N, C-alpha and C. Protein backbone atom coordinates (compact mmCIF):
# COMPACT_ATOMS: atom_id res chain seq x y z
N MET A 1 71.98 25.26 47.13
CA MET A 1 72.98 24.20 48.06
C MET A 1 73.80 23.64 47.49
N HIS A 2 75.22 23.57 47.42
CA HIS A 2 76.15 23.00 47.02
C HIS A 2 76.43 21.42 47.42
N SER A 3 76.36 20.61 46.44
CA SER A 3 76.59 19.61 46.72
C SER A 3 77.85 18.73 45.99
N LEU A 4 78.24 17.39 46.72
CA LEU A 4 79.41 16.87 46.24
C LEU A 4 79.48 15.57 45.93
N LEU A 5 79.72 14.74 45.26
CA LEU A 5 79.77 13.32 45.29
C LEU A 5 81.19 12.91 44.91
N LEU A 6 81.71 12.10 45.96
CA LEU A 6 82.96 12.03 46.35
C LEU A 6 83.33 10.22 46.17
N GLY A 7 84.50 10.19 45.72
CA GLY A 7 84.70 8.66 45.05
C GLY A 7 86.04 8.30 45.85
N ASN A 8 86.75 7.48 45.91
CA ASN A 8 87.70 6.71 46.65
C ASN A 8 89.36 7.24 46.31
N GLY A 9 89.27 8.53 44.98
CA GLY A 9 90.45 8.97 44.68
C GLY A 9 91.28 9.96 45.69
N ILE A 10 90.48 10.53 46.39
CA ILE A 10 91.04 11.33 47.75
C ILE A 10 91.58 10.51 48.41
N ASN A 11 91.04 9.38 48.90
CA ASN A 11 91.48 8.37 50.01
C ASN A 11 92.80 7.63 49.43
N ARG A 12 92.93 7.30 48.29
CA ARG A 12 94.11 6.99 47.68
C ARG A 12 95.15 8.02 47.64
N VAL A 13 95.02 9.09 47.55
CA VAL A 13 95.85 10.09 47.38
C VAL A 13 96.39 10.47 49.20
N ALA A 14 95.43 10.43 49.97
CA ALA A 14 95.57 10.61 51.51
C ALA A 14 96.04 9.51 52.32
N MET A 15 96.01 8.19 51.99
CA MET A 15 96.70 6.95 52.44
C MET A 15 98.04 6.98 52.83
N GLN A 16 98.28 7.03 54.35
CA GLN A 16 99.61 6.69 54.39
C GLN A 16 100.21 5.26 54.17
N ARG A 17 99.05 4.50 54.02
CA ARG A 17 99.46 3.06 53.63
C ARG A 17 98.57 2.75 52.33
N GLY A 18 99.32 2.22 51.41
CA GLY A 18 98.25 1.83 49.99
C GLY A 18 97.13 1.12 49.84
N TRP A 19 96.61 1.42 49.05
CA TRP A 19 95.01 0.53 48.89
C TRP A 19 95.43 -1.01 48.91
N ASN A 20 96.46 -1.29 47.86
CA ASN A 20 96.51 -2.75 47.59
C ASN A 20 97.16 -3.41 49.00
N GLU A 21 97.76 -2.46 49.68
CA GLU A 21 98.29 -3.18 51.29
C GLU A 21 97.34 -3.26 52.23
N ILE A 22 96.18 -2.58 52.04
CA ILE A 22 95.01 -2.71 53.01
C ILE A 22 94.49 -3.78 52.46
N LEU A 23 94.30 -4.16 51.30
CA LEU A 23 93.53 -5.41 50.95
C LEU A 23 94.50 -6.67 51.17
N GLN A 24 95.82 -6.60 50.90
CA GLN A 24 96.49 -7.87 51.13
C GLN A 24 96.69 -8.12 52.54
N GLU A 25 96.50 -7.08 53.59
CA GLU A 25 96.20 -7.49 54.65
C GLU A 25 94.68 -8.23 55.38
N LEU A 26 93.94 -7.88 54.40
CA LEU A 26 92.68 -8.50 54.62
C LEU A 26 92.51 -9.73 53.99
N ALA A 27 93.47 -9.90 52.94
CA ALA A 27 93.24 -11.45 52.59
C ALA A 27 94.12 -12.44 53.54
N LEU A 28 95.18 -11.78 54.07
CA LEU A 28 96.22 -12.44 55.10
C LEU A 28 95.30 -12.64 56.08
N ALA A 29 94.20 -11.92 56.89
CA ALA A 29 93.55 -12.11 57.81
C ALA A 29 92.65 -13.75 57.77
N PHE A 30 92.32 -13.66 56.46
CA PHE A 30 91.40 -14.85 55.88
C PHE A 30 91.74 -15.95 54.90
N ASP A 31 93.15 -16.22 55.09
CA ASP A 31 93.94 -17.13 54.36
C ASP A 31 93.81 -17.15 53.00
N GLY A 32 93.86 -15.71 52.54
CA GLY A 32 93.63 -15.56 50.89
C GLY A 32 94.89 -14.98 50.31
N LEU A 33 95.93 -15.16 50.80
CA LEU A 33 96.97 -14.41 50.23
C LEU A 33 97.25 -15.26 48.58
N ASP A 34 96.57 -16.19 48.42
CA ASP A 34 97.06 -16.67 46.71
C ASP A 34 95.84 -15.86 46.01
N LEU A 35 95.10 -14.75 46.54
CA LEU A 35 94.11 -13.90 45.84
C LEU A 35 94.80 -12.78 45.23
N VAL A 36 95.63 -12.37 46.21
CA VAL A 36 96.23 -11.07 45.72
C VAL A 36 97.10 -10.72 44.74
N PRO A 37 97.76 -11.75 43.81
CA PRO A 37 98.30 -11.32 42.63
C PRO A 37 96.99 -10.77 41.61
N GLY A 38 95.75 -10.96 42.06
CA GLY A 38 94.58 -10.92 41.25
C GLY A 38 93.87 -9.36 41.61
N ILE A 39 94.43 -8.96 42.77
CA ILE A 39 93.39 -7.89 42.99
C ILE A 39 93.35 -6.58 42.22
N GLU A 40 94.66 -6.44 41.02
CA GLU A 40 94.19 -5.37 40.26
C GLU A 40 93.18 -5.77 39.12
N SER A 41 93.05 -6.94 38.99
CA SER A 41 92.56 -7.19 37.60
C SER A 41 90.84 -7.60 38.12
N LYS A 42 90.36 -7.56 39.31
CA LYS A 42 88.99 -7.88 39.67
C LYS A 42 88.51 -6.77 40.38
N PRO A 43 87.11 -6.54 40.34
CA PRO A 43 86.57 -5.63 41.49
C PRO A 43 86.35 -6.14 43.11
N LEU A 44 86.92 -5.09 43.71
CA LEU A 44 86.71 -5.63 45.02
C LEU A 44 85.44 -6.50 45.44
N SER A 45 84.39 -6.03 44.89
CA SER A 45 83.26 -7.53 45.02
C SER A 45 83.75 -8.75 45.11
N MET A 46 84.19 -8.98 44.19
CA MET A 46 84.49 -10.43 43.84
C MET A 46 85.55 -10.79 44.40
N PHE A 47 86.56 -10.08 44.81
CA PHE A 47 87.68 -10.25 45.77
C PHE A 47 87.11 -10.77 47.30
N VAL A 48 86.19 -9.86 47.84
CA VAL A 48 85.45 -10.02 49.15
C VAL A 48 84.56 -11.34 49.01
N GLU A 49 83.98 -11.48 47.82
CA GLU A 49 83.18 -12.89 47.96
C GLU A 49 83.95 -14.11 47.83
N GLU A 50 85.00 -13.97 47.34
CA GLU A 50 85.96 -15.15 47.18
C GLU A 50 86.73 -15.45 48.44
N LEU A 51 87.03 -14.50 49.49
CA LEU A 51 87.44 -14.41 50.65
C LEU A 51 86.22 -15.11 51.54
N CYS A 52 84.77 -14.68 51.02
CA CYS A 52 83.95 -15.28 52.12
C CYS A 52 83.40 -16.55 51.72
N ALA A 53 83.81 -17.23 50.61
CA ALA A 53 83.21 -18.10 49.71
C ALA A 53 84.36 -19.45 50.76
N ARG A 54 85.46 -18.71 50.77
CA ARG A 54 86.33 -20.26 50.99
C ARG A 54 86.52 -20.20 52.77
N SER A 55 85.88 -19.66 53.35
CA SER A 55 85.72 -19.61 55.05
C SER A 55 84.98 -20.86 55.29
N ASN A 56 85.34 -21.57 56.50
CA ASN A 56 84.28 -22.49 56.89
C ASN A 56 83.37 -22.27 57.81
N LEU A 57 83.06 -20.99 57.60
CA LEU A 57 81.70 -20.20 58.12
C LEU A 57 80.71 -20.06 57.13
N SER A 58 79.60 -20.08 57.90
CA SER A 58 78.59 -19.61 56.49
C SER A 58 78.59 -18.42 55.94
N PHE A 59 78.21 -18.38 54.74
CA PHE A 59 78.57 -17.24 53.87
C PHE A 59 78.21 -15.94 54.51
N GLN A 60 77.36 -15.77 55.33
CA GLN A 60 76.89 -14.81 56.08
C GLN A 60 77.79 -14.54 57.17
N LYS A 61 77.90 -15.36 58.04
CA LYS A 61 78.71 -14.98 59.12
C LYS A 61 80.40 -14.50 58.42
N ALA A 62 80.47 -15.27 57.46
CA ALA A 62 82.12 -14.87 56.77
C ALA A 62 81.94 -13.60 56.57
N GLU A 63 80.94 -13.15 55.77
CA GLU A 63 80.81 -11.85 55.30
C GLU A 63 80.76 -10.71 56.28
N HIS A 64 80.16 -10.99 57.44
CA HIS A 64 80.18 -10.20 58.39
C HIS A 64 81.69 -9.82 59.04
N ALA A 65 82.44 -11.27 59.43
CA ALA A 65 83.62 -10.95 59.68
C ALA A 65 84.53 -10.69 58.53
N VAL A 66 84.69 -10.37 57.66
CA VAL A 66 85.36 -9.64 56.55
C VAL A 66 84.99 -8.39 56.74
N LYS A 67 83.44 -7.90 56.75
CA LYS A 67 83.51 -6.52 57.02
C LYS A 67 84.15 -5.72 58.25
N VAL A 68 83.88 -6.42 59.13
CA VAL A 68 84.39 -6.09 60.49
C VAL A 68 85.84 -5.91 60.71
N GLU A 69 86.46 -6.73 59.94
CA GLU A 69 88.17 -6.40 59.74
C GLU A 69 88.45 -5.43 58.86
N PHE A 70 87.69 -5.46 57.50
CA PHE A 70 87.81 -4.44 56.67
C PHE A 70 87.68 -2.99 57.40
N ALA A 71 86.45 -2.97 57.95
CA ALA A 71 86.20 -1.52 58.98
C ALA A 71 87.40 -1.11 59.67
N ARG A 72 87.92 -2.14 60.48
CA ARG A 72 89.36 -1.87 61.38
C ARG A 72 90.45 -1.45 60.30
N LEU A 73 90.65 -1.89 59.44
CA LEU A 73 91.96 -1.63 58.46
C LEU A 73 91.47 0.07 57.98
N LEU A 74 90.13 0.22 57.52
CA LEU A 74 89.94 1.70 56.74
C LEU A 74 89.95 2.57 58.20
N LYS A 75 90.09 2.21 59.23
CA LYS A 75 89.89 3.10 60.34
C LYS A 75 91.29 4.21 60.28
N GLN A 76 92.20 3.08 60.07
CA GLN A 76 93.60 4.05 59.79
C GLN A 76 93.95 4.88 59.18
N ILE A 77 92.73 5.30 57.99
CA ILE A 77 92.96 6.30 57.25
C ILE A 77 92.85 7.76 57.51
N GLN A 78 93.47 8.44 57.51
CA GLN A 78 93.43 9.76 58.24
C GLN A 78 93.32 11.05 57.44
N SER A 79 92.49 11.84 57.73
CA SER A 79 92.16 13.19 57.26
C SER A 79 93.36 13.91 56.73
N VAL A 80 93.71 14.69 55.35
CA VAL A 80 94.59 15.44 55.37
C VAL A 80 94.22 16.53 54.73
N GLU A 81 94.98 17.63 54.38
CA GLU A 81 94.66 18.80 53.77
C GLU A 81 93.59 18.96 52.76
N ALA A 82 94.05 17.64 51.86
CA ALA A 82 92.95 17.94 50.64
C ALA A 82 91.63 17.68 50.86
N HIS A 83 91.47 16.72 51.87
CA HIS A 83 89.83 16.79 52.50
C HIS A 83 89.18 17.74 52.62
N GLU A 84 90.02 18.96 53.28
CA GLU A 84 89.39 19.94 53.78
C GLU A 84 89.02 20.53 52.69
N ARG A 85 90.23 20.89 51.94
CA ARG A 85 90.27 22.08 50.73
C ARG A 85 89.20 21.68 49.61
N ILE A 86 89.11 20.35 49.29
CA ILE A 86 87.81 19.93 48.36
C ILE A 86 86.43 20.05 49.04
N CYS A 87 86.41 19.35 50.14
CA CYS A 87 85.22 19.60 50.82
C CYS A 87 84.47 20.39 51.31
N SER A 88 85.41 21.59 51.64
CA SER A 88 85.04 22.89 52.26
C SER A 88 84.01 23.60 51.34
N LEU A 89 84.18 23.56 50.32
CA LEU A 89 83.11 24.20 49.30
C LEU A 89 81.71 23.53 49.09
N PHE A 90 81.59 22.71 50.24
CA PHE A 90 79.92 22.14 49.82
C PHE A 90 79.66 21.89 50.98
N SER A 91 78.29 21.94 51.26
CA SER A 91 77.46 21.70 52.64
C SER A 91 77.08 20.26 52.16
N VAL A 92 76.56 19.87 51.33
CA VAL A 92 76.07 18.29 51.40
C VAL A 92 77.20 17.34 50.41
N ILE A 93 77.77 16.50 50.98
CA ILE A 93 78.63 15.57 50.48
C ILE A 93 78.11 14.17 50.25
N MET A 94 77.88 13.59 49.46
CA MET A 94 77.83 12.07 49.10
C MET A 94 79.20 11.46 48.92
N THR A 95 79.38 10.41 49.52
CA THR A 95 80.61 9.70 49.34
C THR A 95 80.42 8.28 49.32
N THR A 96 81.18 7.26 48.44
CA THR A 96 81.19 6.12 48.33
C THR A 96 81.90 5.62 49.30
N ASN A 97 82.99 6.22 50.08
CA ASN A 97 84.10 5.82 50.85
C ASN A 97 83.25 5.40 52.47
N TYR A 98 83.57 4.50 52.67
CA TYR A 98 83.23 3.79 54.28
C TYR A 98 83.55 4.71 55.26
N ASP A 99 84.88 5.60 55.35
CA ASP A 99 85.63 6.16 56.65
C ASP A 99 85.26 7.30 57.04
N PHE A 100 85.29 7.65 57.94
CA PHE A 100 84.85 9.00 58.22
C PHE A 100 86.10 10.00 58.30
N THR A 101 86.89 10.28 56.98
CA THR A 101 87.82 11.10 57.23
C THR A 101 87.02 12.84 56.88
N ILE A 102 86.26 12.76 56.04
CA ILE A 102 85.58 14.24 55.79
C ILE A 102 85.04 14.61 57.01
N GLU A 103 83.93 13.78 57.73
CA GLU A 103 83.49 14.27 59.38
C GLU A 103 84.49 15.03 59.91
N GLU A 104 85.70 13.81 60.10
CA GLU A 104 86.80 14.45 61.33
C GLU A 104 87.69 15.49 60.83
N VAL A 105 87.80 15.83 59.62
CA VAL A 105 88.28 17.04 59.30
C VAL A 105 87.46 18.23 59.67
N PHE A 106 86.10 18.23 59.67
CA PHE A 106 85.24 19.32 59.82
C PHE A 106 84.89 19.28 61.29
N ALA A 107 85.05 18.50 62.22
CA ALA A 107 84.51 18.28 63.52
C ALA A 107 85.34 17.36 64.61
N GLY A 108 86.04 16.90 64.18
CA GLY A 108 87.03 15.80 64.82
C GLY A 108 86.20 14.63 65.32
N PRO A 109 86.19 14.29 66.62
CA PRO A 109 85.27 12.99 67.07
C PRO A 109 83.81 13.56 67.56
N LEU A 110 83.42 15.25 67.20
CA LEU A 110 82.02 15.42 67.74
C LEU A 110 81.21 15.10 66.27
N HIS A 111 81.68 14.62 65.24
CA HIS A 111 80.75 14.03 64.38
C HIS A 111 79.18 13.03 64.74
N SER A 112 78.36 13.29 64.18
CA SER A 112 77.20 12.45 64.74
C SER A 112 76.16 12.17 63.78
N PRO A 113 75.84 10.66 64.00
CA PRO A 113 74.56 10.41 62.93
C PRO A 113 73.37 11.10 62.98
N THR A 114 72.64 11.81 62.32
CA THR A 114 71.80 12.21 62.21
C THR A 114 70.45 11.89 61.03
N PHE A 115 70.37 10.23 61.27
CA PHE A 115 69.62 9.49 60.33
C PHE A 115 68.23 9.76 60.15
N LEU A 116 67.61 9.89 59.09
CA LEU A 116 66.17 10.21 58.97
C LEU A 116 65.32 8.99 58.88
N ALA A 117 65.81 8.15 59.11
CA ALA A 117 65.18 6.70 59.60
C ALA A 117 66.13 5.67 59.79
N PRO A 118 65.59 4.70 60.77
CA PRO A 118 66.65 3.55 61.24
C PRO A 118 66.80 2.53 60.02
N GLU A 119 68.18 2.40 59.95
CA GLU A 119 68.57 1.51 58.88
C GLU A 119 69.52 0.44 59.32
N SER A 120 69.86 -0.81 58.99
CA SER A 120 70.89 -1.56 59.65
C SER A 120 71.93 -1.77 58.35
N ARG A 121 71.41 -2.10 56.92
CA ARG A 121 71.97 -2.89 56.12
C ARG A 121 72.42 -2.03 55.25
N TYR A 122 71.31 -1.39 54.86
CA TYR A 122 71.54 -0.06 53.61
C TYR A 122 71.48 1.24 54.40
N SER A 123 71.63 2.24 53.22
CA SER A 123 71.84 3.64 53.92
C SER A 123 71.26 4.48 52.85
N LEU A 124 69.93 4.41 52.83
CA LEU A 124 69.15 5.17 51.88
C LEU A 124 69.10 6.70 52.75
N PHE A 125 68.68 6.35 54.03
CA PHE A 125 68.20 7.73 55.05
C PHE A 125 69.44 7.95 55.88
N ARG A 126 70.65 7.35 55.64
CA ARG A 126 71.34 7.34 57.09
C ARG A 126 72.75 8.48 56.66
N ARG A 127 72.30 9.56 57.34
CA ARG A 127 73.11 10.91 57.18
C ARG A 127 74.13 11.10 58.47
N HIS A 128 75.17 11.77 58.18
CA HIS A 128 76.03 12.23 59.35
C HIS A 128 76.58 13.15 59.06
N THR A 129 76.09 14.11 60.34
CA THR A 129 76.53 15.66 60.54
C THR A 129 77.74 16.30 61.05
N ALA A 130 78.59 16.96 60.33
CA ALA A 130 79.62 17.67 60.91
C ALA A 130 79.97 18.83 61.01
N GLY A 131 79.62 19.46 61.87
CA GLY A 131 79.80 21.05 61.84
C GLY A 131 78.44 21.36 60.93
N THR A 132 78.58 22.21 59.87
CA THR A 132 77.71 22.52 59.20
C THR A 132 77.70 21.67 57.74
N LYS A 133 78.22 20.52 57.88
CA LYS A 133 78.25 19.51 56.59
C LYS A 133 77.49 18.43 56.92
N ASP A 134 76.55 18.24 55.83
CA ASP A 134 76.08 16.52 55.87
C ASP A 134 76.63 15.98 54.98
N VAL A 135 76.86 14.65 55.32
CA VAL A 135 77.85 13.45 54.79
C VAL A 135 76.93 12.47 54.64
N TRP A 136 76.70 11.67 53.52
CA TRP A 136 75.88 10.60 53.22
C TRP A 136 76.92 9.65 52.66
N HIS A 137 77.16 8.45 53.47
CA HIS A 137 77.74 7.18 52.97
C HIS A 137 76.94 6.47 52.09
N VAL A 138 76.97 6.43 50.74
CA VAL A 138 76.20 5.96 50.35
C VAL A 138 76.02 4.43 49.96
N HIS A 139 77.90 3.98 50.42
CA HIS A 139 77.91 2.47 50.66
C HIS A 139 78.16 1.92 52.09
N GLY A 140 77.25 2.72 53.11
CA GLY A 140 77.75 2.57 54.31
C GLY A 140 79.01 3.06 55.05
N ASP A 141 79.06 2.61 56.22
CA ASP A 141 80.39 3.18 57.18
C ASP A 141 80.80 2.17 58.08
N VAL A 142 81.89 2.54 58.50
CA VAL A 142 83.15 1.85 59.21
C VAL A 142 82.25 1.43 60.69
N ALA A 143 81.52 2.54 61.08
CA ALA A 143 80.59 2.43 62.35
C ALA A 143 79.83 1.22 62.73
N ARG A 144 79.18 1.15 61.47
CA ARG A 144 78.31 -0.34 61.20
C ARG A 144 78.99 -1.20 60.15
N PRO A 145 79.77 -2.05 60.36
CA PRO A 145 80.36 -2.71 59.46
C PRO A 145 79.18 -3.39 58.29
N GLY A 146 77.78 -3.87 58.90
CA GLY A 146 76.97 -4.30 58.44
C GLY A 146 76.19 -3.64 56.87
N SER A 147 76.31 -2.07 57.37
CA SER A 147 75.98 -1.55 56.06
C SER A 147 77.02 -1.19 55.17
N MET A 148 78.28 -1.81 55.15
CA MET A 148 79.46 -1.37 54.37
C MET A 148 79.06 -2.50 52.88
N VAL A 149 78.88 -1.80 51.66
CA VAL A 149 78.58 -2.36 50.69
C VAL A 149 79.61 -3.23 49.65
N LEU A 150 79.88 -4.46 50.19
CA LEU A 150 80.94 -5.07 49.27
C LEU A 150 80.88 -6.26 48.50
N GLY A 151 79.76 -6.90 48.65
CA GLY A 151 79.36 -8.07 47.63
C GLY A 151 78.18 -7.91 46.97
N PHE A 152 78.19 -8.46 45.69
CA PHE A 152 77.27 -8.18 44.80
C PHE A 152 75.71 -8.63 45.20
N ASP A 153 75.26 -9.61 46.12
CA ASP A 153 74.45 -9.56 46.78
C ASP A 153 73.58 -8.18 47.37
N HIS A 154 74.66 -7.76 48.13
CA HIS A 154 74.33 -6.49 49.05
C HIS A 154 73.86 -5.30 47.72
N TYR A 155 74.81 -5.19 46.99
CA TYR A 155 74.66 -4.18 45.70
C TYR A 155 72.89 -4.61 45.27
N ALA A 156 72.89 -5.72 44.97
CA ALA A 156 71.50 -5.87 44.47
C ALA A 156 70.37 -5.65 45.30
N GLY A 157 70.48 -5.86 46.72
CA GLY A 157 69.70 -5.76 47.57
C GLY A 157 69.30 -3.82 47.58
N TYR A 158 70.00 -3.42 47.39
CA TYR A 158 70.35 -2.14 47.84
C TYR A 158 69.71 -1.29 46.59
N LEU A 159 70.32 -1.79 45.28
CA LEU A 159 69.55 -1.20 44.23
C LEU A 159 67.74 -1.54 43.97
N GLN A 160 67.74 -2.56 44.65
CA GLN A 160 65.95 -2.76 44.97
C GLN A 160 65.68 -2.08 45.61
N LYS A 161 66.26 -1.56 46.77
CA LYS A 161 65.37 -0.70 47.81
C LYS A 161 65.24 0.54 47.13
N ILE A 162 66.10 1.19 46.16
CA ILE A 162 66.40 2.50 45.79
C ILE A 162 65.14 2.40 44.63
N ARG A 163 65.05 1.18 44.00
CA ARG A 163 64.02 1.45 42.96
C ARG A 163 62.79 1.63 43.19
N ASN A 164 62.64 0.52 44.50
CA ASN A 164 61.22 0.79 45.45
C ASN A 164 60.72 1.90 45.88
N TYR A 165 61.86 2.77 46.54
CA TYR A 165 61.57 4.09 46.93
C TYR A 165 61.39 4.93 45.70
N VAL A 166 61.86 5.09 44.95
CA VAL A 166 61.80 5.82 43.86
C VAL A 166 60.63 5.66 43.01
N THR A 167 60.10 4.34 42.86
CA THR A 167 58.74 4.06 41.81
C THR A 167 57.73 3.59 42.61
N ASP A 168 58.10 3.45 44.03
CA ASP A 168 56.74 3.06 44.87
C ASP A 168 56.93 3.50 46.16
N SER A 169 57.20 2.72 47.23
CA SER A 169 57.61 3.15 48.72
C SER A 169 58.51 2.15 49.57
N VAL A 170 59.06 2.49 50.56
CA VAL A 170 59.76 1.41 50.93
C VAL A 170 59.24 1.46 52.43
N GLU A 171 59.24 0.42 53.61
CA GLU A 171 58.86 0.41 54.87
C GLU A 171 59.98 1.32 55.56
N VAL A 172 59.57 2.01 56.55
CA VAL A 172 60.06 2.80 57.54
C VAL A 172 59.66 2.72 58.62
N LYS A 173 60.42 2.13 59.55
CA LYS A 173 60.03 1.91 60.96
C LYS A 173 59.89 3.45 61.73
N GLY A 174 58.91 3.49 62.58
CA GLY A 174 58.67 4.83 63.15
C GLY A 174 58.11 5.92 62.41
N HIS A 175 57.74 5.63 61.03
CA HIS A 175 57.33 6.80 60.32
C HIS A 175 55.85 6.50 60.72
N PRO A 176 55.09 7.85 60.62
CA PRO A 176 53.70 7.70 60.86
C PRO A 176 52.69 6.94 60.04
N HIS A 177 53.23 6.84 58.66
CA HIS A 177 52.48 6.09 58.11
C HIS A 177 52.90 4.73 57.27
N GLY A 178 54.42 4.23 57.98
CA GLY A 178 54.70 3.02 57.70
C GLY A 178 55.71 2.94 56.47
N ARG A 179 55.23 3.63 55.59
CA ARG A 179 56.12 3.59 54.43
C ARG A 179 56.30 5.32 53.74
N VAL A 180 57.40 5.30 53.08
CA VAL A 180 57.96 6.50 52.61
C VAL A 180 58.08 6.19 50.97
N GLY A 181 57.86 7.11 50.10
CA GLY A 181 58.05 6.97 48.72
C GLY A 181 58.91 8.87 48.35
N SER A 182 59.55 8.78 47.07
CA SER A 182 60.41 9.43 46.72
C SER A 182 59.44 10.92 46.62
N PRO A 183 59.66 11.75 46.98
CA PRO A 183 59.47 13.39 46.52
C PRO A 183 59.37 13.74 44.95
N VAL A 184 60.69 13.04 44.41
CA VAL A 184 60.77 13.63 42.99
C VAL A 184 59.92 12.69 41.87
N LYS A 185 59.28 11.52 42.66
CA LYS A 185 58.51 10.68 41.67
C LYS A 185 57.68 11.51 40.92
N ALA A 186 57.38 11.45 39.56
CA ALA A 186 56.31 12.19 38.84
C ALA A 186 55.00 11.91 39.01
N PRO A 187 53.92 12.54 38.86
CA PRO A 187 52.48 12.14 38.91
C PRO A 187 52.02 10.81 38.28
N SER A 188 52.92 10.64 37.01
CA SER A 188 52.69 9.19 36.29
C SER A 188 53.15 8.39 36.82
N GLY A 189 54.11 8.27 37.57
CA GLY A 189 54.58 7.20 38.22
C GLY A 189 56.20 6.82 37.66
N ARG A 190 56.74 7.91 36.50
CA ARG A 190 57.87 7.47 35.94
C ARG A 190 58.97 8.31 36.77
N ILE A 191 60.11 7.79 36.53
CA ILE A 191 61.31 8.01 37.43
C ILE A 191 61.81 9.37 36.95
N VAL A 192 62.14 10.31 37.50
CA VAL A 192 62.66 11.52 37.21
C VAL A 192 64.33 11.78 37.68
N VAL A 193 64.81 10.58 38.06
CA VAL A 193 66.00 10.86 38.52
C VAL A 193 66.75 9.32 38.10
N THR A 194 68.02 9.61 37.86
CA THR A 194 69.11 8.24 37.72
C THR A 194 70.01 7.99 38.52
N LEU A 195 69.89 6.81 39.16
CA LEU A 195 70.90 6.60 40.57
C LEU A 195 71.50 5.28 39.86
N GLN A 196 72.85 5.59 39.61
CA GLN A 196 73.98 4.36 39.13
C GLN A 196 74.94 4.17 40.58
N PHE A 197 75.09 2.87 40.95
CA PHE A 197 76.30 2.29 41.66
C PHE A 197 76.92 1.57 40.89
N SER A 198 78.45 1.58 41.11
CA SER A 198 78.95 0.56 40.38
C SER A 198 79.82 -0.16 41.38
N PRO A 199 79.67 -1.67 41.61
CA PRO A 199 80.57 -2.55 42.61
C PRO A 199 81.95 -2.23 42.43
N ASP A 200 82.54 -1.87 41.33
CA ASP A 200 84.20 -1.89 41.72
C ASP A 200 84.37 -0.45 41.81
N ARG A 201 85.12 -0.51 43.09
CA ARG A 201 85.34 1.06 43.62
C ARG A 201 86.67 1.71 43.37
N ARG A 202 87.32 0.51 42.59
CA ARG A 202 88.59 1.23 41.92
C ARG A 202 88.64 1.82 40.66
């Protein structure tokens, strides 16, 4: 089985509008234009958390509002030939991108979620199928903005869930045993795979 881990580079090439332009629109929507000059010098997570912190809403509600608007802006990214040429070589694709450009290039609007377990905030078991491709959005996706990993608190929670899954088990609703553990865990309990997530998507 061939697998691909795809970052944001292909979307930066594909965008009809620049990444910074999208972030500027996000800042404008939340009265944060003064943050725009620092976009290039700080992680995306810090930029998003600054937008949330200055809101009159509670941080949780502000974060949700920012994610919903960011998802709307990211839906404007369209598939290009590069998506097909690169991804056609692989049957399983893991991506840190939130959009569905990969699915759309292979299945148009007919791609569908084929989750292995129900999740709303994290994406350990959330998979999408497009034709013969399985696509895993490890940082969440625009269809469920609450799953989009943007703030450091979300990263920390996600890493803890991965750690629990790999070293012990995690609770899974609807599973016959209630909990699921990693099949690659060694009998001694040692972790035999290493997962690394970076909060800076640039």
